[in-house]
Amino acid sequence: MPPIHLNAAAANGYFVDTSGGAVTATLPSSPSAGDTIRFIDLAATFDSNALTIGRNTNKIMGDTADMTVNTERAALGLVYSDSSNGWLLIEK
């Protein structure tokens, strides 16, 4: 099964089910400071089929790489800070 893609929107939370294969969630391209997004491993399968969080040109934790979440039952929140730091973890 090909990877599933979703376009994440600010101020939303997503119950992500990767039991059918890997999922890529693409963050907004033009976020504003304070925007938040949350992801939860609904099926407890991130360890076998990871969630990739696509940065969409903005940094994640100050890094220019996409984020891979491969911990079973992971739940995390991201908040956008600025162009220097990008999206930061607010909970994990």
Foldseek 3Di string as FASTA:
>chain_A
DDEAEEEDDFPEEEADEQPVAAYEYEYDQDDDFFTKYKYWPNHQQCQPHWYWYHDNQAAEQQDPDIDIDRGGGDIWMWGQHDRRGGIYTPDD
